[in-house]
Protein backbone atom coordinates (compact mmCIF):
# COMPACT_ATOMS: atom_id res chain seq x y z
CA GLN A 1 4.69 31.02 -12.56
CA VAL A 2 7.05 28.33 -11.35
CA GLN A 3 7.14 24.80 -13.76
CA LEU A 4 8.23 21.54 -13.46
CA VAL A 5 8.36 18.88 -15.87
CA GLU A 6 9.43 16.00 -15.26
CA SER A 7 10.05 13.21 -17.94
CA GLY A 8 12.32 9.58 -18.62
CA GLY A 9 10.50 6.99 -15.94
CA GLY A 10 10.25 3.83 -16.88
CA LEU A 11 10.53 0.08 -15.57
CA VAL A 12 14.13 -1.22 -16.30
CA GLN A 13 16.23 -4.44 -15.06
CA PRO A 14 17.84 -4.93 -11.76
CA GLY A 15 20.84 -3.19 -12.78
CA GLY A 16 19.97 -0.94 -15.21
CA SER A 17 19.79 2.22 -15.70
CA LEU A 18 17.57 5.54 -16.97
CA ARG A 19 18.00 9.02 -17.44
CA LEU A 20 15.04 11.43 -16.04
CA SER A 21 15.21 15.21 -17.28
CA CYS A 22 13.47 18.40 -15.01
CA ALA A 23 12.60 20.86 -17.74
CA ALA A 24 11.44 24.44 -16.03
CA SER A 25 10.14 28.07 -16.74
CA GLY A 26 9.08 30.79 -14.99
CA ILE A 27 12.64 30.93 -13.01
CA ILE A 28 16.24 32.06 -13.67
CA PHE A 29 17.19 28.58 -13.59
CA SER A 30 20.85 29.39 -13.10
CA SER A 31 20.80 31.17 -10.64
CA ASN A 32 18.41 28.63 -8.88
CA ALA A 33 19.43 25.21 -6.53
CA MET A 34 17.46 21.67 -8.42
CA GLY A 35 17.01 18.62 -6.47
CA TRP A 36 15.86 15.05 -7.03
CA TYR A 37 13.29 14.01 -4.18
CA ARG A 38 11.92 10.42 -4.26
CA GLN A 39 9.10 8.20 -2.22
CA ALA A 40 8.91 5.40 -2.14
CA PRO A 41 5.42 3.27 -1.83
CA GLY A 42 4.82 3.75 2.04
CA LYS A 43 7.63 6.13 2.46
CA GLU A 44 8.17 9.35 3.35
CA ARG A 45 9.77 11.79 0.67
CA GLU A 46 13.46 11.87 0.60
CA LEU A 47 16.64 13.93 -0.66
CA VAL A 48 18.47 12.01 -3.49
CA ALA A 49 20.94 14.27 -4.95
CA THR A 50 20.81 17.95 -5.82
CA ILE A 51 22.59 20.55 -8.14
CA THR A 52 23.70 24.17 -6.37
CA TYR A 53 23.85 27.49 -9.44
CA ASP A 54 27.39 26.34 -9.27
CA ASP A 55 26.80 22.91 -10.39
CA SER A 56 27.77 21.67 -6.65
CA THR A 57 26.63 18.54 -6.07
CA TYR A 58 25.52 16.60 -2.81
CA TYR A 59 23.69 13.12 -2.86
CA ALA A 60 22.44 10.68 -0.43
CA ASP A 61 24.07 7.79 1.18
CA SER A 62 22.02 5.42 -0.43
CA VAL A 63 22.25 6.86 -4.26
CA LYS A 64 26.10 7.96 -3.55
CA GLY A 65 28.19 6.09 -6.66
CA ARG A 66 25.15 5.31 -9.09
CA PHE A 67 23.53 8.37 -9.53
CA THR A 68 24.51 11.47 -11.06
CA ILE A 69 22.79 15.20 -11.37
CA SER A 70 23.49 17.89 -14.16
CA ARG A 71 22.29 20.63 -15.51
CA ASP A 72 21.92 22.34 -18.19
CA ASN A 73 21.30 26.16 -18.05
CA VAL A 74 21.12 26.90 -21.57
CA LYS A 75 18.13 24.00 -21.72
CA ASN A 76 16.76 24.67 -18.42
CA THR A 77 17.23 21.35 -17.34
CA VAL A 78 17.99 19.55 -14.96
CA TYR A 79 19.22 15.74 -15.23
CA LEU A 80 19.46 12.37 -13.23
CA GLN A 81 21.84 9.75 -14.56
CA MET A 82 20.66 6.72 -12.78
CA ASN A 83 22.78 3.46 -12.85
CA SER A 84 23.02 0.13 -11.33
CA LEU A 85 19.22 0.34 -10.74
CA LYS A 86 18.21 -1.65 -7.16
CA ALA A 87 15.11 -2.73 -6.70
CA GLU A 88 14.89 -0.56 -3.79
CA ASP A 89 15.30 2.90 -6.03
CA THR A 90 11.52 2.17 -7.20
CA ALA A 91 10.12 5.39 -6.24
CA VAL A 92 7.66 8.26 -7.68
CA TYR A 93 10.72 10.75 -8.85
CA TYR A 94 10.50 14.89 -8.04
CA CYS A 95 12.24 17.31 -9.46
CA ASN A 96 12.19 20.21 -6.86
CA VAL A 97 13.01 24.07 -6.95
CA ARG A 98 12.95 25.81 -3.93
CA THR A 99 9.71 24.73 -2.46
CA ARG A 100 7.70 24.18 -6.03
CA TRP A 101 7.41 20.37 -7.09
CA GLY A 102 6.79 18.76 -10.07
CA GLN A 103 4.25 16.89 -10.90
CA GLY A 104 6.85 13.55 -10.63
CA THR A 105 7.90 10.48 -12.82
CA LEU A 106 7.33 6.75 -11.54
CA VAL A 107 11.00 4.28 -12.10
CA THR A 108 10.38 1.09 -11.26
CA VAL A 109 13.40 -1.64 -11.03
CA SER A 110 11.89 -4.92 -11.45
CA SER A 111 12.84 -7.89 -13.38
């Protein structure tokens, strides 16, 4: 059974940083592309970043240059380093593999 568990969300001031983690189980982690999505209040879920099995990455224009996705195939974990956070980054962030989703972790950017 595939399980994705996110952690690392919280309250941060504008300009601050957070690192999200997503621990995966029930899959051959190293063979799968992983993704981070987010859903802000009243908005649809949107793609933030993806990383392939061979470490190719993609970023939404809104986070390019500020966020970094990475993976650790030993720990079966994917990370999202978020720097220079803005109020508009406030959302629930979800980890994704294929059709599976984690429970989400809330990131609130506010002074």
